[in-house]
Amino acid sequence: QAQLAESGGGLVQTGGSLRLSCAASGSIFSINTMGWYRQAPGKQRELVADITSGGAGNYADSVKGRFTISRDKNTVDLQMNSLEPEDTGVYYCNARGVLTWVTVWGEYWGQGTQVTVSS
């Protein structure tokens, strides 16, 4: 099994920056893709950005040019700059394509961390 532990998040004013970090632990042999999703009140969870083990990043159109995702093996960070009130939500770390002793292509989620951008 694998566990994802998130850190970062909080309250920031419009135009500010925050950094989210997520570390995967457990009996993990490899992880194909790690990323961040967010869910705003009353809305569905959506992809913010993800990155493969090879370093290929993928971003939602709404965050391109403002957010940067990076990865070091089983840790993924999300640097968020020029934050807007529309970025407010609960941010969830995701890992998929996880190979462990018990899963060949497992998917795991973190518990979520709140990001609030005030106007």
PDB file of N, CA and C in Angstrom:
ATOM      1  N   GLN A   1       0.834  -1.189   0.000  1.00  0.00           N
ATOM      2  CA  GLN A   1       0.000   0.000   0.000  1.00  0.00           C
ATOM      3  C   GLN A   1       0.870   1.240   0.000  1.00  0.00           C
ATOM      4  N   ALA A   2       0.230   2.374  -0.351  1.00  0.00           N
ATOM      5  CA  ALA A   2       0.930   3.646  -0.374  1.00  0.00           C
ATOM      6  C   ALA A   2       0.101   4.691   0.351  1.00  0.00           C
ATOM      7  N   GLN A   3       0.765   5.660   0.887  1.00  0.00           N
ATOM      8  CA  GLN A   3       0.107   6.789   1.540  1.00  0.00           C
ATOM      9  C   GLN A   3       0.675   8.080   0.955  1.00  0.00           C
ATOM     10  N   LEU A   4      -0.179   9.080   0.852  1.00  0.00           N
ATOM     11  CA  LEU A   4       0.236  10.387   0.364  1.00  0.00           C
ATOM     12  C   LEU A   4       0.059  11.404   1.478  1.00  0.00           C
ATOM     13  N   ALA A   5       1.103  12.143   1.755  1.00  0.00           N
ATOM     14  CA  ALA A   5       1.064  13.169   2.805  1.00  0.00           C
ATOM     15  C   ALA A   5       1.295  14.524   2.168  1.00  0.00           C
ATOM     16  N   GLU A   6       0.331  15.417   2.345  1.00  0.00           N
ATOM     17  CA  GLU A   6       0.382  16.749   1.756  1.00  0.00           C
ATOM     18  C   GLU A   6       0.802  17.774   2.798  1.00  0.00           C
ATOM     19  N   SER A   7       1.424  18.832   2.314  1.00  0.00           N
ATOM     20  CA  SER A   7       1.757  19.969   3.175  1.00  0.00           C
ATOM     21  C   SER A   7       1.677  21.236   2.332  1.00  0.00           C
ATOM     22  N   GLY A   8       1.551  22.344   3.026  1.00  0.00           N
ATOM     23  CA  GLY A   8       1.393  23.615   2.335  1.00  0.00           C
ATOM     24  C   GLY A   8      -0.061  24.042   2.374  1.00  0.00           C
ATOM     25  N   GLY A   9      -0.419  24.966   1.546  1.00  0.00           N
ATOM     26  CA  GLY A   9      -1.768  25.485   1.557  1.00  0.00           C
ATOM     27  C   GLY A   9      -1.900  26.595   2.578  1.00  0.00           C
ATOM     28  N   GLY A  10      -3.107  27.159   2.650  1.00  0.00           N
ATOM     29  CA  GLY A  10      -3.353  28.239   3.591  1.00  0.00           C
ATOM     30  C   GLY A  10      -4.108  29.369   2.949  1.00  0.00           C
ATOM     31  N   LEU A  11      -4.002  30.521   3.588  1.00  0.00           N
ATOM     32  CA  LEU A  11      -4.721  31.728   3.141  1.00  0.00           C
ATOM     33  C   LEU A  11      -3.723  32.723   2.568  1.00  0.00           C
ATOM     34  N   VAL A  12      -4.054  33.265   1.401  1.00  0.00           N
ATOM     35  CA  VAL A  12      -3.173  34.229   0.754  1.00  0.00           C
ATOM     36  C   VAL A  12      -4.035  35.256   0.026  1.00  0.00           C
ATOM     37  N   GLN A  13      -3.495  36.427  -0.173  1.00  0.00           N
ATOM     38  CA  GLN A  13      -4.214  37.464  -0.913  1.00  0.00           C
ATOM     39  C   GLN A  13      -4.028  37.283  -2.414  1.00  0.00           C
ATOM     40  N   THR A  14      -4.918  37.878  -3.167  1.00  0.00           N
ATOM     41  CA  THR A  14      -4.813  37.849  -4.624  1.00  0.00           C
ATOM     42  C   THR A  14      -3.434  38.332  -5.067  1.00  0.00           C
ATOM     43  N   GLY A  15      -2.838  37.580  -5.980  1.00  0.00           N
ATOM     44  CA  GLY A  15      -1.506  37.905  -6.468  1.00  0.00           C
ATOM     45  C   GLY A  15      -0.385  37.244  -5.694  1.00  0.00           C
ATOM     46  N   GLY A  16      -0.722  36.607  -4.595  1.00  0.00           N
ATOM     47  CA  GLY A  16       0.284  35.971  -3.765  1.00  0.00           C
ATOM     48  C   GLY A  16       0.681  34.595  -4.278  1.00  0.00           C
ATOM     49  N   SER A  17       1.546  33.940  -3.505  1.00  0.00           N
ATOM     50  CA  SER A  17       2.075  32.630  -3.892  1.00  0.00           C
ATOM     51  C   SER A  17       1.958  31.639  -2.741  1.00  0.00           C
ATOM     52  N   LEU A  18       1.828  30.395  -3.112  1.00  0.00           N
ATOM     53  CA  LEU A  18       1.846  29.284  -2.162  1.00  0.00           C
ATOM     54  C   LEU A  18       2.541  28.111  -2.815  1.00  0.00           C
ATOM     55  N   ARG A  19       3.067  27.239  -1.987  1.00  0.00           N
ATOM     56  CA  ARG A  19       3.715  26.021  -2.482  1.00  0.00           C
ATOM     57  C   ARG A  19       3.122  24.820  -1.768  1.00  0.00           C
ATOM     58  N   LEU A  20       2.666  23.850  -2.540  1.00  0.00           N
ATOM     59  CA  LEU A  20       2.139  22.592  -2.005  1.00  0.00           C
ATOM     60  C   LEU A  20       3.159  21.493  -2.242  1.00  0.00           C
ATOM     61  N   SER A  21       3.276  20.612  -1.273  1.00  0.00           N
ATOM     62  CA  SER A  21       4.164  19.461  -1.402  1.00  0.00           C
ATOM     63  C   SER A  21       3.413  18.188  -1.043  1.00  0.00           C
ATOM     64  N   CYS A  22       3.795  17.108  -1.680  1.00  0.00           N
ATOM     65  CA  CYS A  22       3.167  15.818  -1.413  1.00  0.00           C
ATOM     66  C   CYS A  22       4.235  14.738  -1.501  1.00  0.00           C
ATOM     67  N   ALA A  23       4.288  13.897  -0.484  1.00  0.00           N
ATOM     68  CA  ALA A  23       5.251  12.810  -0.459  1.00  0.00           C
ATOM     69  C   ALA A  23       4.515  11.481  -0.356  1.00  0.00           C
ATOM     70  N   ALA A  24       4.884  10.575  -1.220  1.00  0.00           N
ATOM     71  CA  ALA A  24       4.304   9.226  -1.183  1.00  0.00           C
ATOM     72  C   ALA A  24       5.220   8.315  -0.385  1.00  0.00           C
ATOM     73  N   SER A  25       4.609   7.506   0.455  1.00  0.00           N
ATOM     74  CA  SER A  25       5.391   6.575   1.263  1.00  0.00           C
ATOM     75  C   SER A  25       4.741   5.205   1.241  1.00  0.00           C
ATOM     76  N   GLY A  26       5.475   4.203   1.704  1.00  0.00           N
ATOM     77  CA  GLY A  26       4.976   2.837   1.699  1.00  0.00           C
ATOM     78  C   GLY A  26       5.894   1.957   0.872  1.00  0.00           C
ATOM     79  N   SER A  27       5.428   0.776   0.609  1.00  0.00           N
ATOM     80  CA  SER A  27       6.229  -0.186  -0.152  1.00  0.00           C
ATOM     81  C   SER A  27       6.043   0.045  -1.652  1.00  0.00           C
ATOM     82  N   ILE A  28       6.574   1.157  -2.114  1.00  0.00           N
ATOM     83  CA  ILE A  28       6.377   1.593  -3.491  1.00  0.00           C
ATOM     84  C   ILE A  28       7.597   1.267  -4.335  1.00  0.00           C
ATOM     85  N   PHE A  29       7.359   0.620  -5.441  1.00  0.00           N
ATOM     86  CA  PHE A  29       8.444   0.374  -6.384  1.00  0.00           C
ATOM     87  C   PHE A  29       8.545   1.496  -7.412  1.00  0.00           C
ATOM     88  N   SER A  30       7.389   1.971  -7.874  1.00  0.00           N
ATOM     89  CA  SER A  30       7.399   3.059  -8.858  1.00  0.00           C
ATOM     90  C   SER A  30       6.021   3.722  -8.903  1.00  0.00           C
ATOM     91  N   ILE A  31       6.008   4.959  -9.381  1.00  0.00           N
ATOM     92  CA  ILE A  31       4.769   5.707  -9.592  1.00  0.00           C
ATOM     93  C   ILE A  31       4.834   6.313 -10.981  1.00  0.00           C
ATOM     94  N   ASN A  32       3.828   6.063 -11.786  1.00  0.00           N
ATOM     95  CA  ASN A  32       3.843   6.580 -13.150  1.00  0.00           C
ATOM     96  C   ASN A  32       3.590   8.082 -13.174  1.00  0.00           C
ATOM     97  N   THR A  33       2.502   8.520 -12.563  1.00  0.00           N
ATOM     98  CA  THR A  33       2.100   9.930 -12.625  1.00  0.00           C
ATOM     99  C   THR A  33       1.697  10.429 -11.249  1.00  0.00           C
ATOM    100  N   MET A  34       2.160  11.610 -10.919  1.00  0.00           N
ATOM    101  CA  MET A  34       1.733  12.288  -9.693  1.00  0.00           C
ATOM    102  C   MET A  34       1.191  13.651 -10.075  1.00  0.00           C
ATOM    103  N   GLY A  35       0.220  14.113  -9.307  1.00  0.00           N
ATOM    104  CA  GLY A  35      -0.354  15.401  -9.663  1.00  0.00           C
ATOM    105  C   GLY A  35      -1.218  15.981  -8.581  1.00  0.00           C
ATOM    106  N   TRP A  36      -1.849  17.096  -8.926  1.00  0.00           N
ATOM    107  CA  TRP A  36      -2.717  17.823  -8.013  1.00  0.00           C
ATOM    108  C   TRP A  36      -4.072  18.071  -8.680  1.00  0.00           C
ATOM    109  N   TYR A  37      -5.106  17.832  -7.926  1.00  0.00           N
ATOM    110  CA  TYR A  37      -6.468  18.153  -8.312  1.00  0.00           C
ATOM    111  C   TYR A  37      -7.014  19.152  -7.294  1.00  0.00           C
ATOM    112  N   ARG A  38      -8.065  19.829  -7.665  1.00  0.00           N
ATOM    113  CA  ARG A  38      -8.710  20.733  -6.702  1.00  0.00           C
ATOM    114  C   ARG A  38     -10.221  20.637  -6.845  1.00  0.00           C
ATOM    115  N   GLN A  39     -10.871  20.968  -5.748  1.00  0.00           N
ATOM    116  CA  GLN A  39     -12.329  20.971  -5.737  1.00  0.00           C
ATOM    117  C   GLN A  39     -12.811  22.222  -5.025  1.00  0.00           C
ATOM    118  N   ALA A  40     -13.501  23.061  -5.760  1.00  0.00           N
ATOM    119  CA  ALA A  40     -14.102  24.263  -5.185  1.00  0.00           C
ATOM    120  C   ALA A  40     -15.491  23.922  -4.676  1.00  0.00           C
ATOM    121  N   PRO A  41     -16.009  24.697  -3.736  1.00  0.00           N
ATOM    122  CA  PRO A  41     -17.352  24.431  -3.203  1.00  0.00           C
ATOM    123  C   PRO A  41     -18.395  24.364  -4.306  1.00  0.00           C
ATOM    124  N   GLY A  42     -19.166  23.289  -4.313  1.00  0.00           N
ATOM    125  CA  GLY A  42     -20.226  23.142  -5.291  1.00  0.00           C
ATOM    126  C   GLY A  42     -19.775  22.728  -6.669  1.00  0.00           C
ATOM    127  N   LYS A  43     -18.496  22.442  -6.836  1.00  0.00           N
ATOM    128  CA  LYS A  43     -17.968  22.064  -8.145  1.00  0.00           C
ATOM    129  C   LYS A  43     -17.319  20.691  -8.082  1.00  0.00           C
ATOM    130  N   GLN A  44     -17.132  20.115  -9.261  1.00  0.00           N
ATOM    131  CA  GLN A  44     -16.477  18.820  -9.339  1.00  0.00           C
ATOM    132  C   GLN A  44     -14.969  18.963  -9.177  1.00  0.00           C
ATOM    133  N   ARG A  45     -14.360  17.890  -8.762  1.00  0.00           N
ATOM    134  CA  ARG A  45     -12.907  17.870  -8.652  1.00  0.00           C
ATOM    135  C   ARG A  45     -12.310  17.951 -10.059  1.00  0.00           C
ATOM    136  N   GLU A  46     -11.273  18.775 -10.213  1.00  0.00           N
ATOM    137  CA  GLU A  46     -10.664  18.959 -11.521  1.00  0.00           C
ATOM    138  C   GLU A  46      -9.145  18.865 -11.439  1.00  0.00           C
ATOM    139  N   LEU A  47      -8.557  18.455 -12.543  1.00  0.00           N
ATOM    140  CA  LEU A  47      -7.108  18.380 -12.615  1.00  0.00           C
ATOM    141  C   LEU A  47      -6.518  19.778 -12.647  1.00  0.00           C
ATOM    142  N   VAL A  48      -5.487  19.991 -11.845  1.00  0.00           N
ATOM    143  CA  VAL A  48      -4.732  21.241 -11.881  1.00  0.00           C
ATOM    144  C   VAL A  48      -3.463  21.031 -12.706  1.00  0.00           C
ATOM    145  N   ALA A  49      -2.697  20.028 -12.325  1.00  0.00           N
ATOM    146  CA  ALA A  49      -1.466  19.708 -13.049  1.00  0.00           C
ATOM    147  C   ALA A  49      -1.001  18.320 -12.640  1.00  0.00           C
ATOM    148  N   ASP A  50      -0.341  17.639 -13.568  1.00  0.00           N
ATOM    149  CA  ASP A  50       0.286  16.378 -13.215  1.00  0.00           C
ATOM    150  C   ASP A  50       1.598  16.238 -13.971  1.00  0.00           C
ATOM    151  N   ILE A  51       2.379  15.248 -13.539  1.00  0.00           N
ATOM    152  CA  ILE A  51       3.709  15.076 -14.124  1.00  0.00           C
ATOM    153  C   ILE A  51       4.057  13.594 -14.098  1.00  0.00           C
ATOM    154  N   THR A  52       4.626  13.122 -15.179  1.00  0.00           N
ATOM    155  CA  THR A  52       4.982  11.720 -15.275  1.00  0.00           C
ATOM    156  C   THR A  52       6.355  11.464 -14.646  1.00  0.00           C
ATOM    157  N   SER A  53       6.686  10.205 -14.551  1.00  0.00           N
ATOM    158  CA  SER A  53       7.998   9.842 -14.025  1.00  0.00           C
ATOM    159  C   SER A  53       9.115  10.335 -14.940  1.00  0.00           C
ATOM    160  N   GLY A  54       8.775  10.554 -16.194  1.00  0.00           N
ATOM    161  CA  GLY A  54       9.763  11.081 -17.133  1.00  0.00           C
ATOM    162  C   GLY A  54       9.878  12.594 -17.126  1.00  0.00           C
ATOM    163  N   GLY A  55       9.040  13.254 -16.322  1.00  0.00           N
ATOM    164  CA  GLY A  55       9.126  14.707 -16.201  1.00  0.00           C
ATOM    165  C   GLY A  55       8.201  15.491 -17.109  1.00  0.00           C
ATOM    166  N   ALA A  56       7.332  14.824 -17.816  1.00  0.00           N
ATOM    167  CA  ALA A  56       6.397  15.532 -18.694  1.00  0.00           C
ATOM    168  C   ALA A  56       5.250  16.111 -17.872  1.00  0.00           C
ATOM    169  N   GLY A  57       5.109  17.434 -17.916  1.00  0.00           N
ATOM    170  CA  GLY A  57       4.071  18.096 -17.147  1.00  0.00           C
ATOM    171  C   GLY A  57       2.856  18.406 -17.982  1.00  0.00           C
ATOM    172  N   ASN A  58       1.721  18.457 -17.315  1.00  0.00           N
ATOM    173  CA  ASN A  58       0.446  18.738 -17.966  1.00  0.00           C
ATOM    174  C   ASN A  58      -0.324  19.679 -17.057  1.00  0.00           C
ATOM    175  N   TYR A  59      -0.877  20.767 -17.619  1.00  0.00           N
ATOM    176  CA  TYR A  59      -1.536  21.785 -16.818  1.00  0.00           C
ATOM    177  C   TYR A  59      -2.935  22.080 -17.336  1.00  0.00           C
ATOM    178  N   ALA A  60      -3.809  22.409 -16.409  1.00  0.00           N
ATOM    179  CA  ALA A  60      -5.105  22.951 -16.795  1.00  0.00           C
ATOM    180  C   ALA A  60      -4.872  24.322 -17.430  1.00  0.00           C
ATOM    181  N   ASP A  61      -5.704  24.660 -18.412  1.00  0.00           N
ATOM    182  CA  ASP A  61      -5.536  25.948 -19.098  1.00  0.00           C
ATOM    183  C   ASP A  61      -5.582  27.123 -18.124  1.00  0.00           C
ATOM    184  N   SER A  62      -6.389  26.997 -17.105  1.00  0.00           N
ATOM    185  CA  SER A  62      -6.595  28.107 -16.167  1.00  0.00           C
ATOM    186  C   SER A  62      -5.358  28.425 -15.322  1.00  0.00           C
ATOM    187  N   VAL A  63      -4.403  27.498 -15.266  1.00  0.00           N
ATOM    188  CA  VAL A  63      -3.230  27.731 -14.413  1.00  0.00           C
ATOM    189  C   VAL A  63      -1.933  27.832 -15.202  1.00  0.00           C
ATOM    190  N   LYS A  64      -1.997  27.646 -16.499  1.00  0.00           N
ATOM    191  CA  LYS A  64      -0.785  27.714 -17.316  1.00  0.00           C
ATOM    192  C   LYS A  64      -0.142  29.087 -17.189  1.00  0.00           C
ATOM    193  N   GLY A  65       1.170  29.076 -16.997  1.00  0.00           N
ATOM    194  CA  GLY A  65       1.913  30.316 -16.844  1.00  0.00           C
ATOM    195  C   GLY A  65       1.954  30.835 -15.421  1.00  0.00           C
ATOM    196  N   ARG A  66       1.135  30.266 -14.546  1.00  0.00           N
ATOM    197  CA  ARG A  66       1.110  30.711 -13.143  1.00  0.00           C
ATOM    198  C   ARG A  66       1.583  29.631 -12.191  1.00  0.00           C
ATOM    199  N   PHE A  67       1.268  28.383 -12.497  1.00  0.00           N
ATOM    200  CA  PHE A  67       1.628  27.265 -11.628  1.00  0.00           C
ATOM    201  C   PHE A  67       2.740  26.448 -12.285  1.00  0.00           C
ATOM    202  N   THR A  68       3.596  25.870 -11.436  1.00  0.00           N
ATOM    203  CA  THR A  68       4.655  25.001 -11.923  1.00  0.00           C
ATOM    204  C   THR A  68       4.690  23.738 -11.075  1.00  0.00           C
ATOM    205  N   ILE A  69       4.634  22.605 -11.744  1.00  0.00           N
ATOM    206  CA  ILE A  69       4.700  21.329 -11.039  1.00  0.00           C
ATOM    207  C   ILE A  69       6.093  20.746 -11.213  1.00  0.00           C
ATOM    208  N   SER A  70       6.595  20.146 -10.156  1.00  0.00           N
ATOM    209  CA  SER A  70       7.904  19.512 -10.205  1.00  0.00           C
ATOM    210  C   SER A  70       7.865  18.231  -9.398  1.00  0.00           C
ATOM    211  N   ARG A  71       8.809  17.362  -9.696  1.00  0.00           N
ATOM    212  CA  ARG A  71       8.771  16.048  -9.062  1.00  0.00           C
ATOM    213  C   ARG A  71      10.195  15.536  -8.821  1.00  0.00           C
ATOM    214  N   ASP A  72      10.346  14.895  -7.692  1.00  0.00           N
ATOM    215  CA  ASP A  72      11.599  14.216  -7.375  1.00  0.00           C
ATOM    216  C   ASP A  72      11.229  12.832  -6.889  1.00  0.00           C
ATOM    217  N   LYS A  73      11.243  11.882  -7.769  1.00  0.00           N
ATOM    218  CA  LYS A  73      10.886  10.493  -7.524  1.00  0.00           C
ATOM    219  C   LYS A  73       9.456  10.399  -6.963  1.00  0.00           C
ATOM    220  N   ASN A  74       9.291  10.225  -5.661  1.00  0.00           N
ATOM    221  CA  ASN A  74       7.967  10.029  -5.076  1.00  0.00           C
ATOM    222  C   ASN A  74       7.456  11.264  -4.339  1.00  0.00           C
ATOM    223  N   THR A  75       8.012  12.404  -4.674  1.00  0.00           N
ATOM    224  CA  THR A  75       7.559  13.670  -4.112  1.00  0.00           C
ATOM    225  C   THR A  75       7.188  14.617  -5.238  1.00  0.00           C
ATOM    226  N   VAL A  76       6.060  15.283  -5.079  1.00  0.00           N
ATOM    227  CA  VAL A  76       5.621  16.232  -6.096  1.00  0.00           C
ATOM    228  C   VAL A  76       5.287  17.561  -5.431  1.00  0.00           C
ATOM    229  N   ASP A  77       5.740  18.639  -6.047  1.00  0.00           N
ATOM    230  CA  ASP A  77       5.481  19.986  -5.543  1.00  0.00           C
ATOM    231  C   ASP A  77       4.682  20.779  -6.566  1.00  0.00           C
ATOM    232  N   LEU A  78       3.904  21.724  -6.074  1.00  0.00           N
ATOM    233  CA  LEU A  78       3.159  22.626  -6.934  1.00  0.00           C
ATOM    234  C   LEU A  78       3.418  24.048  -6.459  1.00  0.00           C
ATOM    235  N   GLN A  79       4.141  24.798  -7.258  1.00  0.00           N
ATOM    236  CA  GLN A  79       4.386  26.198  -6.968  1.00  0.00           C
ATOM    237  C   GLN A  79       3.290  27.019  -7.623  1.00  0.00           C
ATOM    238  N   MET A  80       2.556  27.764  -6.818  1.00  0.00           N
ATOM    239  CA  MET A  80       1.422  28.524  -7.319  1.00  0.00           C
ATOM    240  C   MET A  80       1.706  30.014  -7.154  1.00  0.00           C
ATOM    241  N   ASN A  81       1.800  30.708  -8.264  1.00  0.00           N
ATOM    242  CA  ASN A  81       2.054  32.144  -8.264  1.00  0.00           C
ATOM    243  C   ASN A  81       0.857  32.887  -8.844  1.00  0.00           C
ATOM    244  N   SER A  82       0.819  34.169  -8.608  1.00  0.00           N
ATOM    245  CA  SER A  82      -0.262  35.016  -9.132  1.00  0.00           C
ATOM    246  C   SER A  82      -1.627  34.414  -8.845  1.00  0.00           C
ATOM    247  N   LEU A  83      -1.822  34.024  -7.606  1.00  0.00           N
ATOM    248  CA  LEU A  83      -3.060  33.352  -7.231  1.00  0.00           C
ATOM    249  C   LEU A  83      -4.266  34.280  -7.351  1.00  0.00           C
ATOM    250  N   GLU A  84      -5.372  33.680  -7.727  1.00  0.00           N
ATOM    251  CA  GLU A  84      -6.630  34.396  -7.926  1.00  0.00           C
ATOM    252  C   GLU A  84      -7.705  33.772  -7.034  1.00  0.00           C
ATOM    253  N   PRO A  85      -8.744  34.522  -6.717  1.00  0.00           N
ATOM    254  CA  PRO A  85      -9.829  33.942  -5.891  1.00  0.00           C
ATOM    255  C   PRO A  85     -10.402  32.661  -6.499  1.00  0.00           C
ATOM    256  N   GLU A  86     -10.368  32.566  -7.821  1.00  0.00           N
ATOM    257  CA  GLU A  86     -10.888  31.363  -8.491  1.00  0.00           C
ATOM    258  C   GLU A  86     -10.036  30.127  -8.223  1.00  0.00           C
ATOM    259  N   ASP A  87      -8.867  30.305  -7.668  1.00  0.00           N
ATOM    260  CA  ASP A  87      -8.008  29.174  -7.328  1.00  0.00           C
ATOM    261  C   ASP A  87      -8.360  28.577  -5.959  1.00  0.00           C
ATOM    262  N   THR A  88      -9.266  29.182  -5.267  1.00  0.00           N
ATOM    263  CA  THR A  88      -9.685  28.696  -3.954  1.00  0.00           C
ATOM    264  C   THR A  88     -10.308  27.317  -4.064  1.00  0.00           C
ATOM    265  N   GLY A  89      -9.939  26.443  -3.123  1.00  0.00           N
ATOM    266  CA  GLY A  89     -10.512  25.108  -3.084  1.00  0.00           C
ATOM    267  C   GLY A  89      -9.668  24.183  -2.236  1.00  0.00           C
ATOM    268  N   VAL A  90     -10.105  22.948  -2.176  1.00  0.00           N
ATOM    269  CA  VAL A  90      -9.316  21.914  -1.510  1.00  0.00           C
ATOM    270  C   VAL A  90      -8.460  21.235  -2.575  1.00  0.00           C
ATOM    271  N   TYR A  91      -7.179  21.195  -2.333  1.00  0.00           N
ATOM    272  CA  TYR A  91      -6.231  20.627  -3.286  1.00  0.00           C
ATOM    273  C   TYR A  91      -5.836  19.221  -2.817  1.00  0.00           C
ATOM    274  N   TYR A  92      -5.953  18.275  -3.731  1.00  0.00           N
ATOM    275  CA  TYR A  92      -5.686  16.878  -3.425  1.00  0.00           C
ATOM    276  C   TYR A  92      -4.493  16.378  -4.233  1.00  0.00           C
ATOM    277  N   CYS A  93      -3.597  15.707  -3.565  1.00  0.00           N
ATOM    278  CA  CYS A  93      -2.487  15.039  -4.236  1.00  0.00           C
ATOM    279  C   CYS A  93      -2.976  13.694  -4.777  1.00  0.00           C
ATOM    280  N   ASN A  94      -2.499  13.352  -5.950  1.00  0.00           N
ATOM    281  CA  ASN A  94      -2.900  12.103  -6.597  1.00  0.00           C
ATOM    282  C   ASN A  94      -1.678  11.371  -7.120  1.00  0.00           C
ATOM    283  N   ALA A  95      -1.686  10.082  -6.966  1.00  0.00           N
ATOM    284  CA  ALA A  95      -0.637   9.238  -7.555  1.00  0.00           C
ATOM    285  C   ALA A  95      -1.324   8.077  -8.258  1.00  0.00           C
ATOM    286  N   ARG A  96      -0.958   7.843  -9.514  1.00  0.00           N
ATOM    287  CA  ARG A  96      -1.562   6.731 -10.243  1.00  0.00           C
ATOM    288  C   ARG A  96      -0.487   5.993 -11.034  1.00  0.00           C
ATOM    289  N   GLY A  97      -0.846   4.771 -11.356  1.00  0.00           N
ATOM    290  CA  GLY A  97       0.170   3.909 -11.933  1.00  0.00           C
ATOM    291  C   GLY A  97       1.185   3.533 -10.878  1.00  0.00           C
ATOM    292  N   VAL A  98       0.656   3.216  -9.673  1.00  0.00           N
ATOM    293  CA  VAL A  98       1.523   2.912  -8.544  1.00  0.00           C
ATOM    294  C   VAL A  98       1.769   1.415  -8.476  1.00  0.00           C
ATOM    295  N   LEU A  99       3.019   1.049  -8.438  1.00  0.00           N
ATOM    296  CA  LEU A  99       3.411  -0.356  -8.335  1.00  0.00           C
ATOM    297  C   LEU A  99       3.920  -0.629  -6.923  1.00  0.00           C
ATOM    298  N   THR A 100       3.208  -1.519  -6.236  1.00  0.00           N
ATOM    299  CA  THR A 100       3.621  -1.935  -4.895  1.00  0.00           C
ATOM    300  C   THR A 100       3.570  -3.454  -4.838  1.00  0.00           C
ATOM    301  N   TRP A 101       3.758  -3.997  -3.649  1.00  0.00           N
ATOM    302  CA  TRP A 101       3.654  -5.448  -3.498  1.00  0.00           C
ATOM    303  C   TRP A 101       2.234  -5.937  -3.797  1.00  0.00           C
ATOM    304  N   VAL A 102       1.226  -5.067  -3.577  1.00  0.00           N
ATOM    305  CA  VAL A 102      -0.165  -5.521  -3.712  1.00  0.00           C
ATOM    306  C   VAL A 102      -0.916  -4.872  -4.861  1.00  0.00           C
ATOM    307  N   THR A 103      -0.356  -3.869  -5.498  1.00  0.00           N
ATOM    308  CA  THR A 103      -1.040  -3.212  -6.620  1.00  0.00           C
ATOM    309  C   THR A 103      -0.107  -3.124  -7.818  1.00  0.00           C
ATOM    310  N   VAL A 104      -0.672  -3.366  -8.986  1.00  0.00           N
ATOM    311  CA  VAL A 104       0.118  -3.261 -10.206  1.00  0.00           C
ATOM    312  C   VAL A 104      -0.043  -1.877 -10.825  1.00  0.00           C
ATOM    313  N   TRP A 105      -1.228  -1.334 -10.774  1.00  0.00           N
ATOM    314  CA  TRP A 105      -1.516  -0.008 -11.347  1.00  0.00           C
ATOM    315  C   TRP A 105      -2.508   0.682 -10.432  1.00  0.00           C
ATOM    316  N   GLY A 106      -2.072   0.919  -9.187  1.00  0.00           N
ATOM    317  CA  GLY A 106      -2.956   1.500  -8.187  1.00  0.00           C
ATOM    318  C   GLY A 106      -3.070   3.006  -8.304  1.00  0.00           C
ATOM    319  N   GLU A 107      -4.107   3.533  -7.676  1.00  0.00           N
ATOM    320  CA  GLU A 107      -4.301   4.974  -7.613  1.00  0.00           C
ATOM    321  C   GLU A 107      -4.572   5.364  -6.163  1.00  0.00           C
ATOM    322  N   TYR A 108      -3.929   6.435  -5.732  1.00  0.00           N
ATOM    323  CA  TYR A 108      -4.061   6.878  -4.348  1.00  0.00           C
ATOM    324  C   TYR A 108      -4.307   8.377  -4.300  1.00  0.00           C
ATOM    325  N   TRP A 109      -4.978   8.800  -3.221  1.00  0.00           N
ATOM    326  CA  TRP A 109      -5.294  10.204  -3.013  1.00  0.00           C
ATOM    327  C   TRP A 109      -4.824  10.651  -1.632  1.00  0.00           C
ATOM    328  N   GLY A 110      -4.418  11.895  -1.551  1.00  0.00           N
ATOM    329  CA  GLY A 110      -4.153  12.492  -0.266  1.00  0.00           C
ATOM    330  C   GLY A 110      -5.446  12.960   0.375  1.00  0.00           C
ATOM    331  N   GLN A 111      -5.357  13.451   1.600  1.00  0.00           N
ATOM    332  CA  GLN A 111      -6.547  13.873   2.328  1.00  0.00           C
ATOM    333  C   GLN A 111      -7.021  15.260   1.905  1.00  0.00           C
ATOM    334  N   GLY A 112      -6.174  16.016   1.250  1.00  0.00           N
ATOM    335  CA  GLY A 112      -6.552  17.345   0.791  1.00  0.00           C
ATOM    336  C   GLY A 112      -6.042  18.442   1.707  1.00  0.00           C
ATOM    337  N   THR A 113      -5.732  19.574   1.101  1.00  0.00           N
ATOM    338  CA  THR A 113      -5.290  20.741   1.852  1.00  0.00           C
ATOM    339  C   THR A 113      -6.010  21.973   1.310  1.00  0.00           C
ATOM    340  N   GLN A 114      -6.450  22.833   2.197  1.00  0.00           N
ATOM    341  CA  GLN A 114      -7.249  23.985   1.801  1.00  0.00           C
ATOM    342  C   GLN A 114      -6.361  25.119   1.303  1.00  0.00           C
ATOM    343  N   VAL A 115      -6.752  25.679   0.164  1.00  0.00           N
ATOM    344  CA  VAL A 115      -6.127  26.891  -0.362  1.00  0.00           C
ATOM    345  C   VAL A 115      -7.225  27.938  -0.498  1.00  0.00           C
ATOM    346  N   THR A 116      -7.031  29.063   0.144  1.00  0.00           N
ATOM    347  CA  THR A 116      -8.001  30.145   0.080  1.00  0.00           C
ATOM    348  C   THR A 116      -7.304  31.416  -0.390  1.00  0.00           C
ATOM    349  N   VAL A 117      -7.833  32.005  -1.453  1.00  0.00           N
ATOM    350  CA  VAL A 117      -7.278  33.234  -1.998  1.00  0.00           C
ATOM    351  C   VAL A 117      -8.303  34.340  -1.790  1.00  0.00           C
ATOM    352  N   SER A 118      -7.940  35.312  -1.018  1.00  0.00           N
ATOM    353  CA  SER A 118      -8.862  36.409  -0.715  1.00  0.00           C
ATOM    354  C   SER A 118      -8.689  37.537  -1.727  1.00  0.00           C
ATOM    355  N   SER A 119      -9.802  38.189  -2.020  1.00  0.00           N
ATOM    356  CA  SER A 119      -9.773  39.292  -3.007  1.00  0.00           C
ATOM    357  C   SER A 119      -9.510  40.627  -2.347  1.00  0.00           C
TER     358      SER A 119
END
